[in-house]
Amino acid sequence: MIFDNRIEAGKLLANRVDQFLKMELPNEKNNVVVIGLPRGGVQVALEVARKLACPLDILVSKKLNFPDKPDLVVGAVSSDGVMVLNTELPTNRVWKRYVENQKKELSKQTREAESCIYKFANRKPSSLENKIVIVVDDGLDTGMTATAALRTVRQRGAKMVYLAVPIMSEESIDFMNLHYDGVITVSVSEYLVSVDKHYVDFSKTTEDAVLDAMRESLSFVA
């Protein structure tokens, strides 16, 4: 499936999420928090939050790349220091040292980035304690960053955690199925080479667009 842009993808996904919640969790409407994964996932998440009339939060998670191979993703680290790794990685001492150093550095980067976004949006993170949390991205291929985010949300006390994306691969569904209570998507691809191939316009989301989305979402809540 091809989406015009993240806004269209978000609206289609929002309808799916809304239908899912009405059928599966009809009494939890006022207990939902939507979390967008910066940056592109935030534009999609904004439409979901708009449909559900609930807050839009963010959670920063960065990819961990194989040394000297920036295109080879082997894991991810969230702002809470939650790390996800490919299970087929080396186990020698040099590799373990590299992973530990990366975990410290990426934890610091993601924590600072998340703090700055909330500061400039003049927002505070919503409490996730006993909440129904919908984690949204613009698409998933490996699913590493989303998995780190899902685990982080769980650690922050969420009652139930759902993953919502417009397009994802069958592989990522299998990889992530232990980390969510349910998955909501518009389209599943058997072989997802690249998320951007499923968008006509996949231009980079700016930091200002992320901040504007978070501020705008405040108007959705009654």
N, C-alpha and C. Protein backbone atom coordinates (compact mmCIF):
# COMPACT_ATOMS: atom_id res chain seq x y z
N MET A 1 0.84 -1.19 0.00
CA MET A 1 0.00 0.00 0.00
C MET A 1 0.87 1.24 0.00
N ILE A 2 0.46 2.26 -0.74
CA ILE A 2 1.20 3.52 -0.83
C ILE A 2 0.36 4.65 -0.23
N PHE A 3 0.95 5.39 0.70
CA PHE A 3 0.29 6.53 1.33
C PHE A 3 0.80 7.82 0.68
N ASP A 4 -0.07 8.83 0.57
CA ASP A 4 0.35 10.11 0.04
C ASP A 4 1.42 10.74 0.93
N ASN A 5 1.17 10.73 2.22
CA ASN A 5 2.09 11.32 3.19
C ASN A 5 1.75 10.80 4.58
N ARG A 6 2.44 11.30 5.59
CA ARG A 6 2.22 10.81 6.96
C ARG A 6 0.85 11.23 7.50
N ILE A 7 0.34 12.35 7.02
CA ILE A 7 -0.98 12.79 7.49
C ILE A 7 -2.06 11.83 7.03
N GLU A 8 -2.02 11.46 5.75
CA GLU A 8 -3.00 10.49 5.26
C GLU A 8 -2.84 9.16 5.99
N ALA A 9 -1.61 8.71 6.15
CA ALA A 9 -1.36 7.45 6.85
C ALA A 9 -1.89 7.52 8.28
N GLY A 10 -1.69 8.67 8.92
CA GLY A 10 -2.16 8.85 10.29
C GLY A 10 -3.66 8.80 10.40
N LYS A 11 -4.36 9.39 9.44
CA LYS A 11 -5.82 9.39 9.48
C LYS A 11 -6.38 7.98 9.27
N LEU A 12 -5.79 7.25 8.35
CA LEU A 12 -6.23 5.86 8.12
C LEU A 12 -5.95 5.00 9.35
N LEU A 13 -4.77 5.19 9.93
CA LEU A 13 -4.42 4.43 11.13
C LEU A 13 -5.32 4.82 12.30
N ALA A 14 -5.63 6.11 12.42
CA ALA A 14 -6.48 6.61 13.51
C ALA A 14 -7.84 5.92 13.49
N ASN A 15 -8.38 5.73 12.30
CA ASN A 15 -9.68 5.05 12.18
C ASN A 15 -9.58 3.60 12.67
N ARG A 16 -8.48 2.94 12.33
CA ARG A 16 -8.28 1.56 12.77
C ARG A 16 -8.15 1.48 14.30
N VAL A 17 -7.38 2.41 14.85
CA VAL A 17 -7.18 2.43 16.31
C VAL A 17 -8.50 2.70 17.02
N ASP A 18 -9.25 3.67 16.52
CA ASP A 18 -10.53 4.02 17.11
C ASP A 18 -11.50 2.84 17.11
N GLN A 19 -11.57 2.14 15.99
CA GLN A 19 -12.44 0.96 15.89
C GLN A 19 -12.00 -0.13 16.84
N PHE A 20 -10.68 -0.32 16.92
CA PHE A 20 -10.13 -1.36 17.81
C PHE A 20 -10.49 -1.08 19.26
N LEU A 21 -10.28 0.16 19.70
CA LEU A 21 -10.55 0.49 21.09
C LEU A 21 -12.04 0.39 21.42
N LYS A 22 -12.89 0.80 20.48
CA LYS A 22 -14.34 0.71 20.73
C LYS A 22 -14.80 -0.74 20.88
N MET A 23 -14.17 -1.63 20.14
CA MET A 23 -14.55 -3.04 20.20
C MET A 23 -13.92 -3.76 21.38
N GLU A 24 -12.62 -3.49 21.62
CA GLU A 24 -11.87 -4.26 22.61
C GLU A 24 -11.81 -3.62 23.99
N LEU A 25 -11.81 -2.28 24.04
CA LEU A 25 -11.65 -1.59 25.32
C LEU A 25 -12.63 -0.42 25.41
N PRO A 26 -13.92 -0.69 25.32
CA PRO A 26 -14.91 0.39 25.25
C PRO A 26 -14.98 1.28 26.49
N ASN A 27 -14.51 0.78 27.62
CA ASN A 27 -14.60 1.56 28.86
C ASN A 27 -13.31 2.30 29.20
N GLU A 28 -12.33 2.28 28.29
CA GLU A 28 -11.03 2.87 28.58
C GLU A 28 -10.77 4.16 27.79
N LYS A 29 -11.80 4.74 27.21
CA LYS A 29 -11.63 5.91 26.33
C LYS A 29 -10.86 7.04 27.00
N ASN A 30 -11.11 7.28 28.26
CA ASN A 30 -10.48 8.39 28.96
C ASN A 30 -9.19 8.00 29.67
N ASN A 31 -8.68 6.82 29.33
CA ASN A 31 -7.48 6.32 30.00
C ASN A 31 -6.37 6.01 28.99
N VAL A 32 -6.40 6.72 27.85
CA VAL A 32 -5.47 6.43 26.75
C VAL A 32 -4.44 7.54 26.59
N VAL A 33 -3.19 7.15 26.37
CA VAL A 33 -2.13 8.08 26.01
C VAL A 33 -1.51 7.60 24.70
N VAL A 34 -1.37 8.51 23.74
CA VAL A 34 -0.73 8.20 22.47
C VAL A 34 0.71 8.70 22.52
N ILE A 35 1.65 7.83 22.14
CA ILE A 35 3.07 8.20 22.11
C ILE A 35 3.58 8.07 20.69
N GLY A 36 4.10 9.18 20.15
CA GLY A 36 4.71 9.16 18.83
C GLY A 36 6.22 9.02 18.95
N LEU A 37 6.82 8.26 18.03
CA LEU A 37 8.27 8.10 18.03
C LEU A 37 8.88 9.14 17.08
N PRO A 38 9.65 10.09 17.64
CA PRO A 38 10.23 11.14 16.80
C PRO A 38 11.21 10.56 15.78
N ARG A 39 11.30 11.23 14.56
CA ARG A 39 10.43 12.38 14.37
C ARG A 39 9.18 12.03 13.56
N GLY A 40 9.36 11.20 12.53
CA GLY A 40 8.26 10.92 11.61
C GLY A 40 7.03 10.33 12.24
N GLY A 41 7.22 9.53 13.28
CA GLY A 41 6.07 8.91 13.93
C GLY A 41 5.16 9.89 14.63
N VAL A 42 5.69 11.07 14.94
CA VAL A 42 4.88 12.06 15.65
C VAL A 42 3.78 12.62 14.76
N GLN A 43 4.07 12.83 13.49
CA GLN A 43 3.04 13.33 12.57
C GLN A 43 1.90 12.33 12.41
N VAL A 44 2.24 11.06 12.37
CA VAL A 44 1.22 10.01 12.29
C VAL A 44 0.44 9.95 13.60
N ALA A 45 1.17 10.02 14.71
CA ALA A 45 0.55 9.93 16.03
C ALA A 45 -0.39 11.10 16.30
N LEU A 46 -0.09 12.26 15.73
CA LEU A 46 -0.95 13.43 15.93
C LEU A 46 -2.37 13.14 15.45
N GLU A 47 -2.50 12.47 14.32
CA GLU A 47 -3.83 12.16 13.79
C GLU A 47 -4.55 11.13 14.67
N VAL A 48 -3.80 10.22 15.25
CA VAL A 48 -4.39 9.24 16.16
C VAL A 48 -4.88 9.93 17.43
N ALA A 49 -4.04 10.81 17.97
CA ALA A 49 -4.44 11.55 19.18
C ALA A 49 -5.65 12.44 18.90
N ARG A 50 -5.69 13.03 17.70
CA ARG A 50 -6.82 13.87 17.33
C ARG A 50 -8.11 13.06 17.32
N LYS A 51 -8.05 11.88 16.74
CA LYS A 51 -9.23 11.02 16.64
C LYS A 51 -9.70 10.55 18.01
N LEU A 52 -8.75 10.27 18.89
CA LEU A 52 -9.09 9.74 20.22
C LEU A 52 -9.30 10.84 21.26
N ALA A 53 -9.00 12.09 20.87
CA ALA A 53 -9.11 13.23 21.80
C ALA A 53 -8.32 12.98 23.07
N CYS A 54 -7.04 12.63 22.87
CA CYS A 54 -6.19 12.33 24.03
C CYS A 54 -4.82 12.98 23.86
N PRO A 55 -4.01 13.01 24.91
CA PRO A 55 -2.70 13.66 24.84
C PRO A 55 -1.77 12.96 23.85
N LEU A 56 -0.87 13.74 23.27
CA LEU A 56 0.20 13.20 22.42
C LEU A 56 1.52 13.43 23.14
N ASP A 57 2.18 12.34 23.48
CA ASP A 57 3.50 12.40 24.08
C ASP A 57 4.53 11.87 23.09
N ILE A 58 5.81 11.99 23.47
CA ILE A 58 6.87 11.42 22.63
C ILE A 58 7.78 10.56 23.51
N LEU A 59 8.49 9.64 22.87
CA LEU A 59 9.49 8.84 23.56
C LEU A 59 10.62 8.62 22.56
N VAL A 60 11.82 9.05 22.93
CA VAL A 60 12.95 8.99 22.00
C VAL A 60 13.69 7.67 22.13
N SER A 61 13.94 7.05 21.00
CA SER A 61 14.68 5.79 20.93
C SER A 61 15.61 5.87 19.73
N LYS A 62 16.90 5.56 19.93
CA LYS A 62 17.87 5.66 18.83
C LYS A 62 18.42 4.30 18.44
N LYS A 63 18.72 4.18 17.16
CA LYS A 63 19.28 2.94 16.64
C LYS A 63 20.74 2.78 17.06
N LEU A 64 21.13 1.53 17.29
CA LEU A 64 22.51 1.18 17.55
C LEU A 64 23.03 0.48 16.30
N ASN A 65 24.07 1.06 15.69
CA ASN A 65 24.58 0.53 14.44
C ASN A 65 25.83 -0.33 14.65
N PHE A 66 26.05 -1.24 13.72
CA PHE A 66 27.28 -2.04 13.74
C PHE A 66 28.45 -1.11 13.51
N PRO A 67 29.59 -1.32 14.19
CA PRO A 67 30.74 -0.42 14.04
C PRO A 67 31.14 -0.21 12.58
N ASP A 68 31.24 1.07 12.20
CA ASP A 68 31.66 1.47 10.86
C ASP A 68 30.69 1.06 9.75
N LYS A 69 29.50 0.66 10.14
CA LYS A 69 28.48 0.29 9.15
C LYS A 69 27.16 0.95 9.53
N PRO A 70 27.00 2.24 9.24
CA PRO A 70 25.82 3.00 9.69
C PRO A 70 24.50 2.48 9.15
N ASP A 71 24.52 1.71 8.08
CA ASP A 71 23.27 1.19 7.53
C ASP A 71 22.86 -0.14 8.13
N LEU A 72 23.73 -0.70 8.97
CA LEU A 72 23.43 -1.99 9.58
C LEU A 72 22.99 -1.80 11.02
N VAL A 73 21.68 -1.89 11.27
CA VAL A 73 21.12 -1.68 12.61
C VAL A 73 21.14 -3.00 13.38
N VAL A 74 21.75 -2.96 14.55
CA VAL A 74 21.85 -4.19 15.36
C VAL A 74 21.12 -4.07 16.69
N GLY A 75 20.55 -2.89 16.96
CA GLY A 75 19.84 -2.71 18.21
C GLY A 75 19.30 -1.30 18.35
N ALA A 76 18.83 -0.98 19.55
CA ALA A 76 18.30 0.36 19.83
C ALA A 76 18.32 0.60 21.33
N VAL A 77 18.38 1.88 21.70
CA VAL A 77 18.40 2.28 23.10
C VAL A 77 17.39 3.41 23.30
N SER A 78 16.60 3.32 24.36
CA SER A 78 15.60 4.35 24.64
C SER A 78 16.12 5.37 25.64
N SER A 79 15.34 6.40 25.87
CA SER A 79 15.70 7.47 26.81
C SER A 79 15.78 6.99 28.25
N ASP A 80 15.19 5.84 28.54
CA ASP A 80 15.29 5.26 29.89
C ASP A 80 16.43 4.26 29.98
N GLY A 81 17.24 4.15 28.91
CA GLY A 81 18.35 3.21 28.91
C GLY A 81 17.97 1.78 28.60
N VAL A 82 16.76 1.58 28.13
CA VAL A 82 16.33 0.24 27.73
C VAL A 82 16.99 -0.11 26.40
N MET A 83 17.68 -1.25 26.36
CA MET A 83 18.39 -1.65 25.15
C MET A 83 17.79 -2.91 24.56
N VAL A 84 17.68 -2.93 23.23
CA VAL A 84 17.24 -4.09 22.48
C VAL A 84 18.34 -4.45 21.51
N LEU A 85 18.73 -5.73 21.44
CA LEU A 85 19.80 -6.16 20.56
C LEU A 85 19.37 -7.33 19.69
N ASN A 86 19.95 -7.39 18.52
CA ASN A 86 19.79 -8.56 17.66
C ASN A 86 20.40 -9.76 18.38
N THR A 87 19.70 -10.87 18.41
CA THR A 87 20.16 -12.04 19.16
C THR A 87 21.32 -12.77 18.48
N GLU A 88 21.62 -12.41 17.24
CA GLU A 88 22.67 -13.10 16.50
C GLU A 88 24.00 -12.33 16.50
N LEU A 89 24.18 -11.45 17.45
CA LEU A 89 25.40 -10.64 17.51
C LEU A 89 26.55 -11.41 18.14
N PRO A 90 27.79 -10.95 17.92
CA PRO A 90 28.96 -11.58 18.55
C PRO A 90 28.87 -11.50 20.07
N THR A 91 29.60 -12.36 20.75
CA THR A 91 29.58 -12.39 22.22
C THR A 91 30.97 -12.15 22.81
N ASN A 92 31.93 -11.76 21.99
CA ASN A 92 33.29 -11.57 22.51
C ASN A 92 33.40 -10.29 23.33
N ARG A 93 34.53 -10.16 24.03
CA ARG A 93 34.72 -9.04 24.96
C ARG A 93 34.75 -7.69 24.26
N VAL A 94 35.37 -7.62 23.10
CA VAL A 94 35.46 -6.36 22.36
C VAL A 94 34.07 -5.87 21.97
N TRP A 95 33.25 -6.79 21.50
CA TRP A 95 31.89 -6.42 21.11
C TRP A 95 31.07 -5.98 22.32
N LYS A 96 31.17 -6.71 23.41
CA LYS A 96 30.43 -6.35 24.61
C LYS A 96 30.82 -4.97 25.12
N ARG A 97 32.11 -4.64 25.03
CA ARG A 97 32.58 -3.32 25.44
C ARG A 97 31.99 -2.23 24.55
N TYR A 98 31.96 -2.51 23.26
CA TYR A 98 31.38 -1.56 22.32
C TYR A 98 29.90 -1.32 22.63
N VAL A 99 29.17 -2.40 22.88
CA VAL A 99 27.74 -2.29 23.17
C VAL A 99 27.50 -1.49 24.44
N GLU A 100 28.29 -1.75 25.48
CA GLU A 100 28.12 -1.03 26.74
C GLU A 100 28.40 0.45 26.57
N ASN A 101 29.46 0.78 25.81
CA ASN A 101 29.79 2.19 25.57
C ASN A 101 28.68 2.87 24.78
N GLN A 102 28.15 2.16 23.78
CA GLN A 102 27.06 2.71 22.98
C GLN A 102 25.80 2.91 23.81
N LYS A 103 25.54 1.98 24.70
CA LYS A 103 24.36 2.10 25.56
C LYS A 103 24.43 3.37 26.40
N LYS A 104 25.60 3.62 26.99
CA LYS A 104 25.77 4.82 27.82
C LYS A 104 25.60 6.08 26.99
N GLU A 105 26.23 6.10 25.80
CA GLU A 105 26.19 7.29 24.96
C GLU A 105 24.80 7.55 24.40
N LEU A 106 24.17 6.48 23.89
CA LEU A 106 22.83 6.65 23.30
C LEU A 106 21.78 6.95 24.37
N SER A 107 21.94 6.40 25.56
CA SER A 107 21.02 6.71 26.66
C SER A 107 21.07 8.20 26.98
N LYS A 108 22.30 8.73 27.03
CA LYS A 108 22.48 10.15 27.32
C LYS A 108 21.87 11.00 26.21
N GLN A 109 22.15 10.64 24.95
CA GLN A 109 21.62 11.41 23.81
C GLN A 109 20.10 11.41 23.77
N THR A 110 19.51 10.25 23.96
CA THR A 110 18.05 10.16 23.87
C THR A 110 17.37 10.85 25.05
N ARG A 111 17.96 10.73 26.23
CA ARG A 111 17.40 11.39 27.41
C ARG A 111 17.42 12.91 27.24
N GLU A 112 18.54 13.43 26.75
CA GLU A 112 18.67 14.88 26.54
C GLU A 112 17.73 15.35 25.44
N ALA A 113 17.63 14.57 24.37
CA ALA A 113 16.75 14.95 23.26
C ALA A 113 15.30 14.99 23.71
N GLU A 114 14.88 13.98 24.47
CA GLU A 114 13.50 13.92 24.94
C GLU A 114 13.20 15.07 25.88
N SER A 115 14.14 15.36 26.78
CA SER A 115 13.96 16.46 27.73
C SER A 115 13.82 17.80 27.00
N CYS A 116 14.64 18.01 25.97
CA CYS A 116 14.59 19.26 25.20
C CYS A 116 13.26 19.43 24.48
N ILE A 117 12.76 18.35 23.91
CA ILE A 117 11.49 18.42 23.18
C ILE A 117 10.36 18.85 24.12
N TYR A 118 10.30 18.22 25.29
CA TYR A 118 9.25 18.60 26.25
C TYR A 118 9.43 20.03 26.73
N LYS A 119 10.69 20.43 26.94
CA LYS A 119 10.95 21.79 27.41
C LYS A 119 10.47 22.83 26.40
N PHE A 120 10.82 22.64 25.12
CA PHE A 120 10.47 23.63 24.11
C PHE A 120 9.00 23.55 23.69
N ALA A 121 8.37 22.41 23.97
CA ALA A 121 6.93 22.30 23.72
C ALA A 121 6.13 22.82 24.91
N ASN A 122 6.86 23.22 25.97
CA ASN A 122 6.22 23.69 27.20
C ASN A 122 5.26 22.64 27.75
N ARG A 123 5.76 21.42 27.77
CA ARG A 123 4.97 20.28 28.20
C ARG A 123 5.71 19.46 29.24
N LYS A 124 4.98 18.66 29.96
CA LYS A 124 5.56 17.64 30.82
C LYS A 124 5.05 16.28 30.33
N PRO A 125 5.87 15.24 30.46
CA PRO A 125 5.41 13.91 30.04
C PRO A 125 4.19 13.48 30.83
N SER A 126 3.27 12.83 30.16
CA SER A 126 2.10 12.27 30.86
C SER A 126 2.52 11.08 31.70
N SER A 127 1.87 10.90 32.81
CA SER A 127 2.09 9.68 33.59
C SER A 127 1.50 8.50 32.82
N LEU A 128 2.25 7.42 32.74
CA LEU A 128 1.78 6.23 32.05
C LEU A 128 1.29 5.16 33.02
N GLU A 129 1.31 5.47 34.29
CA GLU A 129 0.89 4.51 35.31
C GLU A 129 -0.56 4.09 35.10
N ASN A 130 -0.76 2.79 34.89
CA ASN A 130 -2.09 2.20 34.70
C ASN A 130 -2.84 2.75 33.48
N LYS A 131 -2.10 3.25 32.49
CA LYS A 131 -2.71 3.79 31.28
C LYS A 131 -2.73 2.76 30.15
N ILE A 132 -3.63 3.00 29.21
CA ILE A 132 -3.62 2.27 27.94
C ILE A 132 -2.76 3.11 27.00
N VAL A 133 -1.62 2.59 26.59
CA VAL A 133 -0.67 3.38 25.80
C VAL A 133 -0.60 2.84 24.37
N ILE A 134 -0.76 3.77 23.42
CA ILE A 134 -0.65 3.44 22.00
C ILE A 134 0.65 4.04 21.49
N VAL A 135 1.60 3.19 21.13
CA VAL A 135 2.89 3.64 20.60
C VAL A 135 2.80 3.66 19.08
N VAL A 136 3.09 4.83 18.49
CA VAL A 136 2.88 5.04 17.06
C VAL A 136 4.18 5.40 16.34
N ASP A 137 4.41 4.76 15.19
CA ASP A 137 5.51 5.16 14.32
C ASP A 137 4.98 5.23 12.89
N ASP A 138 5.80 5.77 11.96
CA ASP A 138 5.32 5.90 10.58
C ASP A 138 5.51 4.64 9.76
N GLY A 139 6.19 3.64 10.32
CA GLY A 139 6.39 2.37 9.65
C GLY A 139 7.49 1.58 10.34
N LEU A 140 7.50 0.28 10.16
CA LEU A 140 8.50 -0.56 10.82
C LEU A 140 9.09 -1.55 9.84
N ASP A 141 10.43 -1.63 9.84
CA ASP A 141 11.08 -2.71 9.11
C ASP A 141 11.75 -3.65 10.12
N THR A 142 12.83 -3.22 10.78
CA THR A 142 13.46 -4.08 11.79
C THR A 142 12.68 -4.06 13.11
N GLY A 143 12.11 -2.89 13.45
CA GLY A 143 11.33 -2.79 14.69
C GLY A 143 12.16 -2.58 15.94
N MET A 144 13.46 -2.34 15.81
CA MET A 144 14.33 -2.21 16.97
C MET A 144 13.95 -1.01 17.85
N THR A 145 13.84 0.19 17.23
CA THR A 145 13.55 1.38 18.03
C THR A 145 12.17 1.30 18.67
N ALA A 146 11.22 0.76 17.95
CA ALA A 146 9.87 0.62 18.50
C ALA A 146 9.85 -0.37 19.66
N THR A 147 10.62 -1.44 19.55
CA THR A 147 10.67 -2.43 20.63
C THR A 147 11.25 -1.82 21.89
N ALA A 148 12.31 -1.04 21.74
CA ALA A 148 12.89 -0.36 22.91
C ALA A 148 11.87 0.58 23.54
N ALA A 149 11.09 1.26 22.70
CA ALA A 149 10.05 2.16 23.21
C ALA A 149 8.95 1.39 23.93
N LEU A 150 8.52 0.29 23.35
CA LEU A 150 7.46 -0.52 23.97
C LEU A 150 7.89 -1.03 25.35
N ARG A 151 9.12 -1.50 25.44
CA ARG A 151 9.62 -1.99 26.72
C ARG A 151 9.72 -0.86 27.74
N THR A 152 10.10 0.32 27.26
CA THR A 152 10.20 1.48 28.15
C THR A 152 8.83 1.87 28.70
N VAL A 153 7.84 1.90 27.81
CA VAL A 153 6.47 2.22 28.22
C VAL A 153 5.99 1.24 29.28
N ARG A 154 6.28 -0.02 29.08
CA ARG A 154 5.89 -1.05 30.06
C ARG A 154 6.56 -0.77 31.40
N GLN A 155 7.84 -0.43 31.38
CA GLN A 155 8.55 -0.15 32.62
C GLN A 155 8.02 1.10 33.32
N ARG A 156 7.45 2.02 32.55
CA ARG A 156 6.90 3.24 33.14
C ARG A 156 5.52 3.02 33.75
N GLY A 157 5.05 1.80 33.73
CA GLY A 157 3.83 1.47 34.46
C GLY A 157 2.56 1.34 33.66
N ALA A 158 2.65 1.31 32.34
CA ALA A 158 1.44 1.19 31.52
C ALA A 158 0.70 -0.11 31.82
N LYS A 159 -0.62 0.00 31.85
CA LYS A 159 -1.45 -1.19 32.10
C LYS A 159 -1.48 -2.10 30.88
N MET A 160 -1.62 -1.49 29.71
CA MET A 160 -1.62 -2.24 28.45
C MET A 160 -0.89 -1.40 27.40
N VAL A 161 -0.16 -2.08 26.52
CA VAL A 161 0.65 -1.39 25.51
C VAL A 161 0.29 -1.93 24.13
N TYR A 162 -0.05 -1.00 23.22
CA TYR A 162 -0.39 -1.37 21.85
C TYR A 162 0.54 -0.66 20.88
N LEU A 163 0.89 -1.34 19.83
CA LEU A 163 1.71 -0.78 18.77
C LEU A 163 0.81 -0.46 17.59
N ALA A 164 0.92 0.76 17.06
CA ALA A 164 0.10 1.18 15.92
C ALA A 164 0.99 1.81 14.86
N VAL A 165 1.01 1.23 13.66
CA VAL A 165 1.81 1.75 12.55
C VAL A 165 1.05 1.56 11.24
N PRO A 166 1.21 2.47 10.29
CA PRO A 166 0.51 2.32 9.02
C PRO A 166 0.99 1.12 8.21
N ILE A 167 2.31 0.88 8.22
CA ILE A 167 2.89 -0.20 7.42
C ILE A 167 3.98 -0.89 8.23
N MET A 168 3.97 -2.22 8.22
CA MET A 168 5.02 -2.96 8.92
C MET A 168 5.24 -4.29 8.23
N SER A 169 6.37 -4.90 8.52
CA SER A 169 6.71 -6.17 7.91
C SER A 169 6.26 -7.33 8.78
N GLU A 170 6.06 -8.47 8.16
CA GLU A 170 5.71 -9.68 8.91
C GLU A 170 6.84 -10.04 9.87
N GLU A 171 8.07 -9.79 9.45
CA GLU A 171 9.23 -10.08 10.30
C GLU A 171 9.19 -9.28 11.59
N SER A 172 8.85 -8.00 11.49
CA SER A 172 8.82 -7.15 12.69
C SER A 172 7.70 -7.56 13.63
N ILE A 173 6.58 -8.02 13.08
CA ILE A 173 5.49 -8.51 13.92
C ILE A 173 5.97 -9.70 14.75
N ASP A 174 6.67 -10.63 14.10
CA ASP A 174 7.20 -11.80 14.80
C ASP A 174 8.24 -11.41 15.83
N PHE A 175 9.12 -10.45 15.46
CA PHE A 175 10.20 -10.03 16.34
C PHE A 175 9.68 -9.35 17.61
N MET A 176 8.56 -8.64 17.48
CA MET A 176 8.09 -7.78 18.56
C MET A 176 6.93 -8.34 19.37
N ASN A 177 6.44 -9.51 19.02
CA ASN A 177 5.16 -9.95 19.60
C ASN A 177 5.17 -10.19 21.10
N LEU A 178 6.34 -10.24 21.72
CA LEU A 178 6.39 -10.40 23.17
C LEU A 178 6.31 -9.08 23.91
N HIS A 179 6.32 -7.99 23.16
CA HIS A 179 6.46 -6.67 23.80
C HIS A 179 5.21 -5.81 23.74
N TYR A 180 4.15 -6.30 23.15
CA TYR A 180 2.92 -5.53 23.12
C TYR A 180 1.71 -6.42 23.42
N ASP A 181 0.60 -5.79 23.77
CA ASP A 181 -0.65 -6.52 24.01
C ASP A 181 -1.47 -6.66 22.75
N GLY A 182 -1.13 -5.86 21.74
CA GLY A 182 -1.83 -5.93 20.46
C GLY A 182 -1.16 -5.03 19.46
N VAL A 183 -1.38 -5.32 18.18
CA VAL A 183 -0.81 -4.50 17.12
C VAL A 183 -1.94 -4.05 16.19
N ILE A 184 -1.88 -2.78 15.78
CA ILE A 184 -2.90 -2.20 14.91
C ILE A 184 -2.17 -1.60 13.71
N THR A 185 -2.55 -2.02 12.51
CA THR A 185 -1.86 -1.54 11.32
C THR A 185 -2.84 -1.40 10.16
N VAL A 186 -2.43 -0.64 9.17
CA VAL A 186 -3.24 -0.48 7.96
C VAL A 186 -2.85 -1.54 6.94
N SER A 187 -1.55 -1.82 6.86
CA SER A 187 -1.06 -2.77 5.87
C SER A 187 0.16 -3.52 6.39
N VAL A 188 0.24 -4.80 6.07
CA VAL A 188 1.40 -5.63 6.43
C VAL A 188 2.05 -6.11 5.14
N SER A 189 3.35 -5.93 5.06
CA SER A 189 4.10 -6.35 3.87
C SER A 189 4.95 -7.57 4.21
N GLU A 190 4.91 -8.55 3.34
CA GLU A 190 5.73 -9.75 3.57
C GLU A 190 7.21 -9.40 3.55
N TYR A 191 7.59 -8.57 2.57
CA TYR A 191 8.98 -8.12 2.46
C TYR A 191 8.99 -6.59 2.41
N LEU A 192 9.39 -5.98 3.52
CA LEU A 192 9.42 -4.52 3.60
C LEU A 192 10.87 -4.06 3.47
N VAL A 193 11.24 -3.65 2.26
CA VAL A 193 12.62 -3.24 2.00
C VAL A 193 12.93 -1.93 2.69
N SER A 194 12.01 -0.98 2.55
CA SER A 194 12.21 0.35 3.15
C SER A 194 10.85 1.02 3.34
N VAL A 195 10.67 1.63 4.50
CA VAL A 195 9.39 2.28 4.81
C VAL A 195 9.08 3.39 3.80
N ASP A 196 10.11 4.14 3.39
CA ASP A 196 9.86 5.28 2.51
C ASP A 196 9.28 4.89 1.15
N LYS A 197 9.43 3.63 0.77
CA LYS A 197 8.88 3.17 -0.50
C LYS A 197 7.35 3.09 -0.46
N HIS A 198 6.77 3.21 0.73
CA HIS A 198 5.33 3.13 0.88
C HIS A 198 4.69 4.52 1.05
N TYR A 199 5.48 5.56 0.80
CA TYR A 199 4.98 6.94 0.88
C TYR A 199 5.36 7.69 -0.39
N VAL A 200 4.42 8.47 -0.93
CA VAL A 200 4.74 9.37 -2.04
C VAL A 200 5.63 10.50 -1.51
N ASP A 201 5.22 11.07 -0.39
CA ASP A 201 5.99 12.14 0.26
C ASP A 201 6.47 11.63 1.61
N PHE A 202 7.77 11.37 1.72
CA PHE A 202 8.35 10.90 2.97
C PHE A 202 9.45 11.87 3.40
N SER A 203 9.18 13.15 3.18
CA SER A 203 10.17 14.17 3.52
C SER A 203 10.41 14.20 5.02
N LYS A 204 11.58 14.66 5.38
CA LYS A 204 12.01 14.66 6.77
C LYS A 204 11.11 15.52 7.64
N THR A 205 10.72 15.01 8.79
CA THR A 205 9.93 15.76 9.77
C THR A 205 10.86 16.65 10.57
N THR A 206 10.55 17.92 10.66
CA THR A 206 11.41 18.86 11.39
C THR A 206 11.11 18.82 12.89
N GLU A 207 12.04 19.34 13.65
CA GLU A 207 11.83 19.44 15.09
C GLU A 207 10.67 20.38 15.40
N ASP A 208 10.55 21.45 14.63
CA ASP A 208 9.43 22.38 14.83
C ASP A 208 8.09 21.69 14.62
N ALA A 209 8.02 20.78 13.65
CA ALA A 209 6.78 20.06 13.39
C ALA A 209 6.43 19.16 14.57
N VAL A 210 7.44 18.59 15.20
CA VAL A 210 7.22 17.76 16.39
C VAL A 210 6.66 18.61 17.53
N LEU A 211 7.29 19.76 17.75
CA LEU A 211 6.84 20.65 18.83
C LEU A 211 5.42 21.16 18.57
N ASP A 212 5.14 21.53 17.32
CA ASP A 212 3.80 22.02 16.97
C ASP A 212 2.75 20.94 17.20
N ALA A 213 3.08 19.70 16.86
CA ALA A 213 2.14 18.60 17.05
C ALA A 213 1.82 18.40 18.53
N MET A 214 2.83 18.45 19.37
CA MET A 214 2.61 18.27 20.81
C MET A 214 1.75 19.40 21.39
N ARG A 215 2.02 20.61 20.93
CA ARG A 215 1.22 21.76 21.43
C ARG A 215 -0.21 21.66 20.93
N GLU A 216 -0.36 21.29 19.66
CA GLU A 216 -1.71 21.20 19.08
C GLU A 216 -2.55 20.16 19.80
N SER A 217 -1.92 19.07 20.22
CA SER A 217 -2.68 17.98 20.85
C SER A 217 -3.34 18.39 22.16
N LEU A 218 -2.84 19.46 22.78
CA LEU A 218 -3.45 19.93 24.03
C LEU A 218 -4.89 20.37 23.80
N SER A 219 -5.19 20.82 22.58
CA SER A 219 -6.54 21.28 22.27
C SER A 219 -7.52 20.11 22.06
N PHE A 220 -7.01 18.89 21.94
CA PHE A 220 -7.87 17.74 21.71
C PHE A 220 -8.54 17.26 22.99
N VAL A 221 -7.92 17.58 24.12
CA VAL A 221 -8.39 17.04 25.39
C VAL A 221 -9.44 17.96 25.99
N ALA A 222 -10.60 17.40 26.28
CA ALA A 222 -11.71 18.20 26.82
C ALA A 222 -11.39 18.69 28.23
